[in-house]
Amino acid sequence: MGSLTVATATAAVGLDLRARTQKPVQAALAEQFPERLGAWVALEQEGIVRPPEQGAKSRYDQEVSRVFAAPDEPSVMLLVAYGSTQSDTLQVHRPEFCYPASGFKILETRDVSQPVTSGLSLPAGFFTAVRGQRVEQVLYWVRLGDYFPDSWLQQHLARLKNSARGLVSDGILVRASVIDGDAQRASVLLSRFLQQLALQSTPLGRQALLGRALA
């Protein structure tokens, strides 16, 4: 019934149902994100929790992972995974699923508002993940076209909304994490880090992070 209603409403307003792919980001993303963000400097990467290997190569066109260090601060692990085409079978893999797949137990999850530029904040997620003695605090957002879904259900609905408009959108996962037992302290640090990433990236980098409408 729901799909019939959408189809009927779409036909009534005369939308073209032929899928149109929104212009994806063509640039090499590794070149769009600076290796120095304020006091943070990129180091050799290690220990980053990555999306499951199975399907990752087909799901993402580009993946950037870096570890940043700053004086008197814990190292920040950054993962940016970009897919030019989002569909039923190719969707951004949300970290609240890939962390348990890597053996972590998620203890706390909450929705947060993440500042990215002056006067602009995005819906984002924050959680604590534990595996053995490792306690990792994770802050992330997912963009699907011009939507920023805060759950798998909202992500699916965003894809349906794009489909109803005849659009095949791109998608990105932007995730920063730190090994720290203090969730409150880590959330402040990670929020500041991701804001610097958005502010200091190139225009094409901001387009990938925020979408065309907000870049």
N, C-alpha and C. Protein backbone atom coordinates (compact mmCIF):
# COMPACT_ATOMS: atom_id res chain seq x y z
N MET A 1 0.83 -1.20 0.00
CA MET A 1 0.00 0.00 0.00
C MET A 1 0.86 1.25 0.00
N GLY A 2 1.91 1.25 0.82
CA GLY A 2 2.77 2.43 0.91
C GLY A 2 3.42 2.74 -0.42
N SER A 3 3.97 1.70 -1.10
CA SER A 3 4.65 1.94 -2.35
C SER A 3 3.68 2.40 -3.42
N LEU A 4 2.44 1.88 -3.38
CA LEU A 4 1.42 2.30 -4.33
C LEU A 4 1.09 3.77 -4.13
N THR A 5 0.96 4.17 -2.86
CA THR A 5 0.65 5.56 -2.56
C THR A 5 1.75 6.48 -3.07
N VAL A 6 3.01 6.11 -2.86
CA VAL A 6 4.12 6.93 -3.35
C VAL A 6 4.09 7.02 -4.86
N ALA A 7 3.85 5.88 -5.52
CA ALA A 7 3.83 5.87 -6.97
C ALA A 7 2.71 6.73 -7.51
N THR A 8 1.52 6.64 -6.88
CA THR A 8 0.38 7.42 -7.33
C THR A 8 0.63 8.90 -7.14
N ALA A 9 1.16 9.26 -5.98
CA ALA A 9 1.42 10.67 -5.71
C ALA A 9 2.48 11.21 -6.65
N THR A 10 3.49 10.40 -6.95
CA THR A 10 4.55 10.83 -7.85
C THR A 10 4.01 11.07 -9.24
N ALA A 11 3.17 10.15 -9.71
CA ALA A 11 2.58 10.31 -11.03
C ALA A 11 1.70 11.54 -11.09
N ALA A 12 0.99 11.82 -9.98
CA ALA A 12 0.05 12.93 -9.96
C ALA A 12 0.75 14.27 -10.13
N VAL A 13 1.95 14.40 -9.59
CA VAL A 13 2.65 15.68 -9.72
C VAL A 13 3.59 15.69 -10.92
N GLY A 14 3.58 14.62 -11.70
CA GLY A 14 4.29 14.60 -12.96
C GLY A 14 5.80 14.49 -12.84
N LEU A 15 6.31 13.84 -11.81
CA LEU A 15 7.76 13.69 -11.67
C LEU A 15 8.28 12.67 -12.67
N ASP A 16 9.47 12.92 -13.18
CA ASP A 16 10.13 11.98 -14.08
C ASP A 16 10.77 10.89 -13.24
N LEU A 17 10.31 9.65 -13.42
CA LEU A 17 10.80 8.55 -12.59
C LEU A 17 12.09 7.94 -13.12
N ARG A 18 12.59 8.41 -14.25
CA ARG A 18 13.86 7.89 -14.73
C ARG A 18 14.97 8.37 -13.80
N ALA A 19 15.73 7.43 -13.30
CA ALA A 19 16.73 7.78 -12.29
C ALA A 19 17.78 8.72 -12.86
N ARG A 20 18.07 9.77 -12.11
CA ARG A 20 19.12 10.72 -12.48
C ARG A 20 20.17 10.66 -11.37
N THR A 21 21.38 10.36 -11.76
CA THR A 21 22.44 10.29 -10.77
C THR A 21 22.93 11.69 -10.45
N GLN A 22 22.85 12.08 -9.17
CA GLN A 22 23.41 13.36 -8.77
C GLN A 22 24.91 13.35 -9.02
N LYS A 23 25.42 14.46 -9.52
CA LYS A 23 26.83 14.52 -9.90
C LYS A 23 27.72 14.19 -8.70
N PRO A 24 28.47 13.10 -8.78
CA PRO A 24 29.31 12.72 -7.63
C PRO A 24 30.58 13.56 -7.56
N VAL A 25 31.26 13.46 -6.45
CA VAL A 25 32.55 14.13 -6.30
C VAL A 25 33.60 13.33 -7.08
N GLN A 26 34.24 13.99 -8.04
CA GLN A 26 35.18 13.30 -8.91
C GLN A 26 36.62 13.36 -8.39
N ALA A 27 36.92 14.32 -7.54
CA ALA A 27 38.30 14.53 -7.11
C ALA A 27 38.77 13.44 -6.16
N ALA A 28 40.08 13.26 -6.09
CA ALA A 28 40.68 12.34 -5.11
C ALA A 28 40.52 12.94 -3.72
N LEU A 29 39.72 12.31 -2.88
CA LEU A 29 39.39 12.90 -1.58
C LEU A 29 40.61 13.02 -0.67
N ALA A 30 41.57 12.13 -0.81
CA ALA A 30 42.75 12.21 0.04
C ALA A 30 43.47 13.54 -0.14
N GLU A 31 43.29 14.17 -1.31
CA GLU A 31 43.93 15.46 -1.57
C GLU A 31 43.08 16.64 -1.11
N GLN A 32 41.84 16.38 -0.73
CA GLN A 32 40.92 17.47 -0.36
C GLN A 32 40.89 17.71 1.15
N PHE A 33 41.39 16.76 1.91
CA PHE A 33 41.39 16.88 3.37
C PHE A 33 42.83 17.12 3.85
N PRO A 34 43.07 18.20 4.57
CA PRO A 34 44.44 18.53 4.97
C PRO A 34 45.02 17.52 5.96
N GLU A 35 46.34 17.38 5.92
CA GLU A 35 47.02 16.50 6.86
C GLU A 35 47.40 17.22 8.15
N ARG A 36 47.08 18.50 8.22
CA ARG A 36 47.25 19.27 9.45
C ARG A 36 45.94 20.00 9.72
N LEU A 37 45.38 19.77 10.90
CA LEU A 37 44.13 20.42 11.31
C LEU A 37 44.39 21.11 12.64
N GLY A 38 44.70 22.39 12.60
CA GLY A 38 45.06 23.08 13.82
C GLY A 38 46.32 22.46 14.40
N ALA A 39 46.24 21.99 15.64
CA ALA A 39 47.40 21.37 16.28
C ALA A 39 47.57 19.91 15.89
N TRP A 40 46.58 19.32 15.22
CA TRP A 40 46.64 17.90 14.86
C TRP A 40 47.43 17.71 13.57
N VAL A 41 48.29 16.70 13.56
CA VAL A 41 49.09 16.37 12.39
C VAL A 41 48.91 14.89 12.09
N ALA A 42 48.74 14.56 10.80
CA ALA A 42 48.52 13.18 10.40
C ALA A 42 49.78 12.35 10.58
N LEU A 43 49.60 11.12 11.09
CA LEU A 43 50.69 10.17 11.29
C LEU A 43 50.43 8.94 10.44
N GLU A 44 51.31 7.97 10.54
CA GLU A 44 51.05 6.67 9.93
C GLU A 44 49.81 6.07 10.59
N GLN A 45 48.90 5.52 9.77
CA GLN A 45 47.65 5.01 10.31
C GLN A 45 47.82 3.58 10.84
N GLU A 46 47.14 3.31 11.94
CA GLU A 46 47.10 1.95 12.47
C GLU A 46 45.95 1.86 13.47
N GLY A 47 45.36 0.70 13.56
CA GLY A 47 44.34 0.46 14.58
C GLY A 47 42.98 1.03 14.29
N ILE A 48 42.73 1.48 13.05
CA ILE A 48 41.43 2.06 12.72
C ILE A 48 40.43 0.95 12.42
N VAL A 49 39.27 1.01 13.03
CA VAL A 49 38.20 0.05 12.73
C VAL A 49 37.63 0.40 11.37
N ARG A 50 37.64 -0.55 10.46
CA ARG A 50 37.23 -0.28 9.08
C ARG A 50 35.93 -1.01 8.77
N PRO A 51 35.23 -0.57 7.71
CA PRO A 51 34.03 -1.29 7.28
C PRO A 51 34.39 -2.73 6.93
N PRO A 52 33.43 -3.66 7.05
CA PRO A 52 33.72 -5.05 6.72
C PRO A 52 34.31 -5.18 5.32
N GLU A 53 35.34 -5.99 5.20
CA GLU A 53 36.04 -6.14 3.92
C GLU A 53 35.09 -6.64 2.83
N GLN A 54 34.19 -7.54 3.21
CA GLN A 54 33.26 -8.09 2.24
C GLN A 54 32.28 -7.01 1.81
N GLY A 55 32.31 -6.65 0.55
CA GLY A 55 31.40 -5.63 0.02
C GLY A 55 31.94 -4.23 0.08
N ALA A 56 33.01 -3.99 0.83
CA ALA A 56 33.51 -2.62 0.98
C ALA A 56 34.01 -2.07 -0.35
N LYS A 57 34.68 -2.90 -1.13
CA LYS A 57 35.23 -2.41 -2.40
C LYS A 57 34.13 -2.00 -3.37
N SER A 58 33.01 -2.70 -3.34
CA SER A 58 31.91 -2.33 -4.24
C SER A 58 31.06 -1.22 -3.65
N ARG A 59 31.04 -1.09 -2.31
CA ARG A 59 30.20 -0.08 -1.65
C ARG A 59 30.81 1.31 -1.75
N TYR A 60 32.13 1.40 -1.70
CA TYR A 60 32.81 2.69 -1.65
C TYR A 60 33.72 2.88 -2.85
N ASP A 61 33.67 4.10 -3.41
CA ASP A 61 34.61 4.47 -4.47
C ASP A 61 35.93 4.95 -3.88
N GLN A 62 35.84 5.63 -2.74
CA GLN A 62 37.05 6.17 -2.12
C GLN A 62 36.96 6.02 -0.60
N GLU A 63 38.11 5.79 0.00
CA GLU A 63 38.18 5.69 1.45
C GLU A 63 39.46 6.37 1.92
N VAL A 64 39.33 7.26 2.88
CA VAL A 64 40.48 7.97 3.43
C VAL A 64 40.53 7.66 4.92
N SER A 65 41.65 7.14 5.39
CA SER A 65 41.81 6.86 6.82
C SER A 65 43.15 7.41 7.29
N ARG A 66 43.10 8.16 8.38
CA ARG A 66 44.30 8.79 8.92
C ARG A 66 44.24 8.80 10.44
N VAL A 67 45.41 8.84 11.05
CA VAL A 67 45.51 9.03 12.50
C VAL A 67 46.19 10.38 12.73
N PHE A 68 45.59 11.21 13.57
CA PHE A 68 46.12 12.55 13.85
C PHE A 68 46.57 12.62 15.31
N ALA A 69 47.70 13.29 15.51
CA ALA A 69 48.22 13.49 16.86
C ALA A 69 48.39 14.98 17.12
N ALA A 70 48.22 15.38 18.37
CA ALA A 70 48.41 16.76 18.79
C ALA A 70 49.04 16.75 20.18
N PRO A 71 49.82 17.78 20.53
CA PRO A 71 50.44 17.83 21.86
C PRO A 71 49.39 17.76 22.97
N ASP A 72 49.64 16.90 23.93
CA ASP A 72 48.79 16.77 25.13
C ASP A 72 47.36 16.34 24.81
N GLU A 73 47.16 15.71 23.65
CA GLU A 73 45.84 15.21 23.27
C GLU A 73 45.97 13.75 22.85
N PRO A 74 44.94 12.93 23.07
CA PRO A 74 44.97 11.57 22.53
C PRO A 74 44.86 11.59 21.01
N SER A 75 45.41 10.59 20.37
CA SER A 75 45.36 10.52 18.90
C SER A 75 43.92 10.35 18.43
N VAL A 76 43.59 11.01 17.33
CA VAL A 76 42.26 10.92 16.73
C VAL A 76 42.35 10.09 15.46
N MET A 77 41.48 9.10 15.34
CA MET A 77 41.42 8.26 14.14
C MET A 77 40.28 8.75 13.26
N LEU A 78 40.59 9.04 12.00
CA LEU A 78 39.61 9.55 11.05
C LEU A 78 39.38 8.53 9.94
N LEU A 79 38.11 8.29 9.63
CA LEU A 79 37.74 7.46 8.49
C LEU A 79 36.67 8.19 7.70
N VAL A 80 36.93 8.38 6.41
CA VAL A 80 35.94 8.95 5.49
C VAL A 80 35.74 7.94 4.37
N ALA A 81 34.52 7.44 4.21
CA ALA A 81 34.22 6.45 3.18
C ALA A 81 33.13 7.00 2.27
N TYR A 82 33.43 7.10 0.97
CA TYR A 82 32.54 7.76 0.01
C TYR A 82 32.09 6.79 -1.08
N GLY A 83 30.78 6.78 -1.34
CA GLY A 83 30.23 5.99 -2.43
C GLY A 83 29.42 6.87 -3.36
N SER A 84 29.71 6.83 -4.65
CA SER A 84 29.05 7.73 -5.60
C SER A 84 27.62 7.33 -5.90
N THR A 85 27.26 6.07 -5.62
CA THR A 85 25.92 5.57 -5.93
C THR A 85 25.37 4.81 -4.74
N GLN A 86 24.20 5.24 -4.24
CA GLN A 86 23.56 4.58 -3.11
C GLN A 86 22.28 3.89 -3.60
N SER A 87 22.15 2.60 -3.27
CA SER A 87 20.99 1.82 -3.70
C SER A 87 20.64 0.83 -2.59
N ASP A 88 19.71 -0.08 -2.89
CA ASP A 88 19.34 -1.10 -1.91
C ASP A 88 20.54 -1.94 -1.50
N THR A 89 21.39 -2.26 -2.47
CA THR A 89 22.51 -3.16 -2.21
C THR A 89 23.81 -2.43 -1.93
N LEU A 90 23.91 -1.17 -2.31
CA LEU A 90 25.13 -0.38 -2.09
C LEU A 90 24.78 0.83 -1.25
N GLN A 91 24.96 0.70 0.06
CA GLN A 91 24.68 1.80 0.96
C GLN A 91 25.83 1.98 1.94
N VAL A 92 26.01 3.23 2.39
CA VAL A 92 27.00 3.52 3.42
C VAL A 92 26.77 2.62 4.62
N HIS A 93 27.84 2.00 5.10
CA HIS A 93 27.74 1.07 6.23
C HIS A 93 27.88 1.86 7.53
N ARG A 94 26.86 1.87 8.34
CA ARG A 94 26.85 2.68 9.55
C ARG A 94 27.75 2.07 10.63
N PRO A 95 28.50 2.91 11.37
CA PRO A 95 29.46 2.37 12.34
C PRO A 95 28.83 1.64 13.51
N GLU A 96 27.56 1.92 13.84
CA GLU A 96 26.94 1.19 14.93
C GLU A 96 26.73 -0.28 14.57
N PHE A 97 26.92 -0.62 13.28
CA PHE A 97 26.89 -2.02 12.85
C PHE A 97 28.29 -2.58 12.62
N CYS A 98 29.21 -1.76 12.08
CA CYS A 98 30.53 -2.32 11.76
C CYS A 98 31.39 -2.50 13.01
N TYR A 99 31.16 -1.72 14.06
CA TYR A 99 31.93 -1.94 15.30
C TYR A 99 31.59 -3.29 15.94
N PRO A 100 30.31 -3.62 16.14
CA PRO A 100 30.01 -4.97 16.65
C PRO A 100 30.55 -6.07 15.75
N ALA A 101 30.55 -5.83 14.42
CA ALA A 101 31.10 -6.84 13.51
C ALA A 101 32.59 -7.02 13.71
N SER A 102 33.25 -6.03 14.32
CA SER A 102 34.69 -6.12 14.61
C SER A 102 34.95 -6.55 16.05
N GLY A 103 33.91 -7.02 16.75
CA GLY A 103 34.09 -7.56 18.09
C GLY A 103 33.87 -6.58 19.23
N PHE A 104 33.37 -5.39 18.93
CA PHE A 104 33.11 -4.39 19.97
C PHE A 104 31.69 -4.53 20.52
N LYS A 105 31.54 -4.14 21.76
CA LYS A 105 30.22 -4.00 22.38
C LYS A 105 29.94 -2.51 22.53
N ILE A 106 28.78 -2.08 22.04
CA ILE A 106 28.41 -0.67 22.13
C ILE A 106 27.65 -0.45 23.43
N LEU A 107 28.17 0.45 24.27
CA LEU A 107 27.59 0.68 25.60
C LEU A 107 26.65 1.87 25.63
N GLU A 108 26.90 2.84 24.79
CA GLU A 108 26.09 4.06 24.84
C GLU A 108 25.99 4.65 23.44
N THR A 109 24.79 5.06 23.08
CA THR A 109 24.59 5.75 21.80
C THR A 109 23.70 6.95 22.03
N ARG A 110 24.01 8.03 21.37
CA ARG A 110 23.14 9.20 21.49
C ARG A 110 23.25 10.07 20.24
N ASP A 111 22.16 10.77 19.97
CA ASP A 111 22.15 11.73 18.87
C ASP A 111 22.75 13.04 19.36
N VAL A 112 23.55 13.67 18.50
CA VAL A 112 24.18 14.94 18.85
C VAL A 112 24.06 15.89 17.67
N SER A 113 24.31 17.15 17.93
CA SER A 113 24.35 18.17 16.89
C SER A 113 25.80 18.57 16.70
N GLN A 114 26.32 18.37 15.49
CA GLN A 114 27.74 18.60 15.22
C GLN A 114 27.95 19.90 14.44
N PRO A 115 28.59 20.91 15.06
CA PRO A 115 28.92 22.14 14.31
C PRO A 115 29.93 21.82 13.20
N VAL A 116 29.69 22.38 12.02
CA VAL A 116 30.64 22.15 10.91
C VAL A 116 31.19 23.46 10.35
N THR A 117 30.35 24.47 10.22
CA THR A 117 30.80 25.78 9.80
C THR A 117 30.09 26.81 10.67
N SER A 118 30.39 28.06 10.47
CA SER A 118 29.78 29.11 11.28
C SER A 118 28.26 29.10 11.12
N GLY A 119 27.56 28.83 12.21
CA GLY A 119 26.10 28.85 12.19
C GLY A 119 25.45 27.60 11.63
N LEU A 120 26.23 26.58 11.27
CA LEU A 120 25.66 25.37 10.68
C LEU A 120 26.06 24.15 11.50
N SER A 121 25.05 23.35 11.89
CA SER A 121 25.29 22.09 12.60
C SER A 121 24.54 20.97 11.88
N LEU A 122 25.07 19.76 11.99
CA LEU A 122 24.47 18.59 11.34
C LEU A 122 24.02 17.57 12.38
N PRO A 123 23.00 16.77 12.07
CA PRO A 123 22.67 15.63 12.93
C PRO A 123 23.81 14.61 12.88
N ALA A 124 24.26 14.18 14.02
CA ALA A 124 25.36 13.22 14.09
C ALA A 124 25.09 12.22 15.20
N GLY A 125 25.94 11.22 15.29
CA GLY A 125 25.79 10.20 16.32
C GLY A 125 27.07 10.06 17.13
N PHE A 126 26.91 9.67 18.40
CA PHE A 126 28.06 9.45 19.27
C PHE A 126 27.82 8.16 20.05
N PHE A 127 28.85 7.32 20.15
CA PHE A 127 28.70 6.12 20.97
C PHE A 127 30.04 5.71 21.57
N THR A 128 29.94 4.89 22.61
CA THR A 128 31.10 4.29 23.26
C THR A 128 31.16 2.82 22.87
N ALA A 129 32.32 2.36 22.41
CA ALA A 129 32.50 0.96 22.01
C ALA A 129 33.64 0.35 22.82
N VAL A 130 33.44 -0.88 23.28
CA VAL A 130 34.43 -1.54 24.14
C VAL A 130 34.76 -2.91 23.57
N ARG A 131 36.06 -3.20 23.49
CA ARG A 131 36.54 -4.54 23.13
C ARG A 131 37.73 -4.85 24.02
N GLY A 132 37.52 -5.76 24.98
CA GLY A 132 38.57 -6.05 25.94
C GLY A 132 38.90 -4.82 26.77
N GLN A 133 40.17 -4.42 26.78
CA GLN A 133 40.60 -3.24 27.53
C GLN A 133 40.49 -1.95 26.70
N ARG A 134 40.12 -2.07 25.46
CA ARG A 134 40.05 -0.90 24.58
C ARG A 134 38.68 -0.24 24.69
N VAL A 135 38.66 1.03 25.06
CA VAL A 135 37.43 1.82 25.13
C VAL A 135 37.56 2.94 24.10
N GLU A 136 36.70 2.90 23.11
CA GLU A 136 36.78 3.86 22.00
C GLU A 136 35.52 4.71 21.96
N GLN A 137 35.71 6.02 21.85
CA GLN A 137 34.60 6.96 21.72
C GLN A 137 34.51 7.37 20.25
N VAL A 138 33.30 7.34 19.70
CA VAL A 138 33.11 7.51 18.26
C VAL A 138 32.08 8.59 17.98
N LEU A 139 32.44 9.53 17.12
CA LEU A 139 31.53 10.59 16.66
C LEU A 139 31.48 10.51 15.15
N TYR A 140 30.28 10.57 14.57
CA TYR A 140 30.18 10.37 13.12
C TYR A 140 28.91 11.00 12.58
N TRP A 141 28.90 11.20 11.27
CA TRP A 141 27.65 11.49 10.56
C TRP A 141 27.65 10.75 9.24
N VAL A 142 26.44 10.55 8.74
CA VAL A 142 26.22 9.92 7.44
C VAL A 142 25.44 10.90 6.58
N ARG A 143 25.91 11.10 5.35
CA ARG A 143 25.18 11.93 4.39
C ARG A 143 24.73 11.06 3.23
N LEU A 144 23.48 11.21 2.83
CA LEU A 144 22.94 10.51 1.68
C LEU A 144 22.28 11.56 0.79
N GLY A 145 22.96 11.97 -0.27
CA GLY A 145 22.47 13.10 -1.06
C GLY A 145 22.49 14.35 -0.20
N ASP A 146 21.32 14.96 -0.03
CA ASP A 146 21.20 16.15 0.82
C ASP A 146 20.64 15.82 2.19
N TYR A 147 20.49 14.54 2.51
CA TYR A 147 19.94 14.12 3.80
C TYR A 147 21.07 13.67 4.73
N PHE A 148 20.83 13.82 6.04
CA PHE A 148 21.77 13.38 7.07
C PHE A 148 21.02 12.45 8.03
N PRO A 149 20.78 11.19 7.61
CA PRO A 149 19.98 10.26 8.42
C PRO A 149 20.71 9.88 9.70
N ASP A 150 19.94 9.81 10.81
CA ASP A 150 20.55 9.48 12.11
C ASP A 150 20.28 8.04 12.53
N SER A 151 19.77 7.22 11.63
CA SER A 151 19.55 5.80 11.93
C SER A 151 19.48 5.05 10.60
N TRP A 152 19.55 3.71 10.69
CA TRP A 152 19.44 2.91 9.47
C TRP A 152 18.07 3.10 8.83
N LEU A 153 17.02 3.20 9.64
CA LEU A 153 15.68 3.43 9.10
C LEU A 153 15.61 4.76 8.36
N GLN A 154 16.13 5.83 8.99
CA GLN A 154 16.11 7.13 8.34
C GLN A 154 16.96 7.12 7.06
N GLN A 155 18.03 6.36 7.07
CA GLN A 155 18.86 6.24 5.87
C GLN A 155 18.08 5.58 4.74
N HIS A 156 17.33 4.53 5.08
CA HIS A 156 16.51 3.86 4.07
C HIS A 156 15.42 4.79 3.55
N LEU A 157 14.80 5.55 4.45
CA LEU A 157 13.76 6.49 4.03
C LEU A 157 14.33 7.60 3.15
N ALA A 158 15.54 8.05 3.47
CA ALA A 158 16.18 9.08 2.65
C ALA A 158 16.42 8.56 1.23
N ARG A 159 16.84 7.31 1.12
CA ARG A 159 17.05 6.74 -0.21
C ARG A 159 15.74 6.65 -0.97
N LEU A 160 14.64 6.28 -0.27
CA LEU A 160 13.33 6.22 -0.91
C LEU A 160 12.87 7.60 -1.37
N LYS A 161 13.14 8.63 -0.56
CA LYS A 161 12.77 9.99 -0.96
C LYS A 161 13.53 10.41 -2.21
N ASN A 162 14.81 10.07 -2.27
CA ASN A 162 15.57 10.39 -3.47
C ASN A 162 15.04 9.62 -4.67
N SER A 163 14.69 8.36 -4.46
CA SER A 163 14.14 7.55 -5.55
C SER A 163 12.84 8.13 -6.07
N ALA A 164 12.00 8.63 -5.15
CA ALA A 164 10.73 9.23 -5.55
C ALA A 164 10.95 10.48 -6.39
N ARG A 165 12.08 11.13 -6.21
CA ARG A 165 12.44 12.30 -7.02
C ARG A 165 13.20 11.91 -8.27
N GLY A 166 13.40 10.62 -8.46
CA GLY A 166 14.14 10.17 -9.62
C GLY A 166 15.63 10.36 -9.50
N LEU A 167 16.15 10.37 -8.28
CA LEU A 167 17.56 10.63 -8.05
C LEU A 167 18.28 9.40 -7.52
N VAL A 168 19.48 9.17 -8.00
CA VAL A 168 20.40 8.22 -7.41
C VAL A 168 21.51 9.05 -6.78
N SER A 169 21.56 9.06 -5.45
CA SER A 169 22.45 9.99 -4.75
C SER A 169 23.77 9.34 -4.37
N ASP A 170 24.72 10.20 -4.01
CA ASP A 170 25.96 9.71 -3.44
C ASP A 170 25.81 9.61 -1.93
N GLY A 171 26.81 9.08 -1.26
CA GLY A 171 26.73 8.94 0.19
C GLY A 171 28.11 8.93 0.81
N ILE A 172 28.19 9.34 2.07
CA ILE A 172 29.48 9.38 2.74
C ILE A 172 29.32 9.09 4.23
N LEU A 173 30.29 8.40 4.78
CA LEU A 173 30.43 8.24 6.22
C LEU A 173 31.63 9.05 6.66
N VAL A 174 31.43 9.93 7.63
CA VAL A 174 32.52 10.72 8.21
C VAL A 174 32.59 10.33 9.68
N ARG A 175 33.72 9.74 10.09
CA ARG A 175 33.82 9.18 11.44
C ARG A 175 35.16 9.54 12.07
N ALA A 176 35.09 10.03 13.29
CA ALA A 176 36.30 10.29 14.08
C ALA A 176 36.17 9.56 15.40
N SER A 177 37.27 9.03 15.90
CA SER A 177 37.21 8.28 17.15
C SER A 177 38.51 8.45 17.92
N VAL A 178 38.42 8.16 19.21
CA VAL A 178 39.58 8.30 20.08
C VAL A 178 39.49 7.24 21.17
N ILE A 179 40.64 6.71 21.58
CA ILE A 179 40.67 5.74 22.67
C ILE A 179 40.76 6.52 23.97
N ASP A 180 39.66 6.52 24.71
CA ASP A 180 39.56 7.35 25.92
C ASP A 180 38.38 6.83 26.74
N GLY A 181 38.57 6.64 28.02
CA GLY A 181 37.49 6.17 28.87
C GLY A 181 36.49 7.24 29.26
N ASP A 182 36.81 8.50 29.00
CA ASP A 182 35.95 9.62 29.38
C ASP A 182 35.14 10.07 28.17
N ALA A 183 33.87 9.68 28.12
CA ALA A 183 33.03 9.97 26.95
C ALA A 183 32.80 11.47 26.78
N GLN A 184 32.57 12.18 27.86
CA GLN A 184 32.29 13.60 27.76
C GLN A 184 33.50 14.36 27.22
N ARG A 185 34.66 14.07 27.75
CA ARG A 185 35.89 14.73 27.28
C ARG A 185 36.14 14.41 25.81
N ALA A 186 35.94 13.14 25.44
CA ALA A 186 36.19 12.73 24.07
C ALA A 186 35.21 13.37 23.10
N SER A 187 33.95 13.51 23.50
CA SER A 187 32.96 14.09 22.60
C SER A 187 33.30 15.54 22.27
N VAL A 188 33.80 16.28 23.25
CA VAL A 188 34.20 17.67 23.01
C VAL A 188 35.39 17.72 22.05
N LEU A 189 36.39 16.87 22.29
CA LEU A 189 37.57 16.84 21.44
C LEU A 189 37.21 16.45 20.01
N LEU A 190 36.41 15.41 19.85
CA LEU A 190 36.06 14.92 18.51
C LEU A 190 35.20 15.93 17.76
N SER A 191 34.31 16.61 18.47
CA SER A 191 33.49 17.63 17.83
C SER A 191 34.36 18.76 17.29
N ARG A 192 35.33 19.17 18.09
CA ARG A 192 36.25 20.23 17.66
C ARG A 192 37.08 19.78 16.46
N PHE A 193 37.50 18.52 16.48
CA PHE A 193 38.30 17.98 15.38
C PHE A 193 37.50 17.96 14.07
N LEU A 194 36.28 17.45 14.11
CA LEU A 194 35.49 17.35 12.88
C LEU A 194 35.08 18.72 12.36
N GLN A 195 34.88 19.68 13.26
CA GLN A 195 34.59 21.03 12.79
C GLN A 195 35.80 21.60 12.04
N GLN A 196 37.00 21.35 12.55
CA GLN A 196 38.20 21.80 11.85
C GLN A 196 38.33 21.11 10.49
N LEU A 197 37.97 19.84 10.42
CA LEU A 197 38.02 19.13 9.15
C LEU A 197 37.11 19.80 8.12
N ALA A 198 35.89 20.14 8.52
CA ALA A 198 34.96 20.79 7.60
C ALA A 198 35.44 22.18 7.21
N LEU A 199 35.98 22.92 8.16
CA LEU A 199 36.40 24.29 7.88
C LEU A 199 37.65 24.36 7.01
N GLN A 200 38.56 23.40 7.17
CA GLN A 200 39.85 23.50 6.50
C GLN A 200 39.97 22.66 5.24
N SER A 201 38.95 21.87 4.92
CA SER A 201 38.99 21.09 3.69
C SER A 201 38.82 22.02 2.48
N THR A 202 39.20 21.53 1.31
CA THR A 202 39.00 22.29 0.08
C THR A 202 37.50 22.37 -0.23
N PRO A 203 37.09 23.25 -1.16
CA PRO A 203 35.67 23.30 -1.54
C PRO A 203 35.12 21.93 -1.98
N LEU A 204 35.91 21.16 -2.74
CA LEU A 204 35.46 19.83 -3.14
C LEU A 204 35.38 18.89 -1.94
N GLY A 205 36.29 19.06 -1.00
CA GLY A 205 36.23 18.26 0.22
C GLY A 205 34.99 18.56 1.02
N ARG A 206 34.63 19.85 1.13
CA ARG A 206 33.41 20.22 1.85
C ARG A 206 32.17 19.70 1.13
N GLN A 207 32.23 19.70 -0.20
CA GLN A 207 31.10 19.15 -0.95
C GLN A 207 30.90 17.68 -0.62
N ALA A 208 31.99 16.94 -0.51
CA ALA A 208 31.89 15.53 -0.15
C ALA A 208 31.36 15.37 1.27
N LEU A 209 31.86 16.17 2.19
CA LEU A 209 31.47 16.05 3.60
C LEU A 209 30.03 16.48 3.84
N LEU A 210 29.61 17.58 3.18
CA LEU A 210 28.35 18.24 3.53
C LEU A 210 27.30 18.17 2.43
N GLY A 211 27.67 17.75 1.23
CA GLY A 211 26.73 17.76 0.12
C GLY A 211 26.75 19.10 -0.59
N ARG A 212 26.20 19.13 -1.79
CA ARG A 212 26.23 20.35 -2.60
C ARG A 212 25.43 21.48 -1.97
N ALA A 213 24.33 21.15 -1.33
CA ALA A 213 23.44 22.19 -0.81
C ALA A 213 24.08 22.99 0.31
N LEU A 214 24.98 22.37 1.08
CA LEU A 214 25.54 23.03 2.26
C LEU A 214 27.01 23.41 2.10
N ALA A 215 27.67 22.90 1.06
CA ALA A 215 29.12 23.14 0.91
C ALA A 215 29.42 24.61 0.63
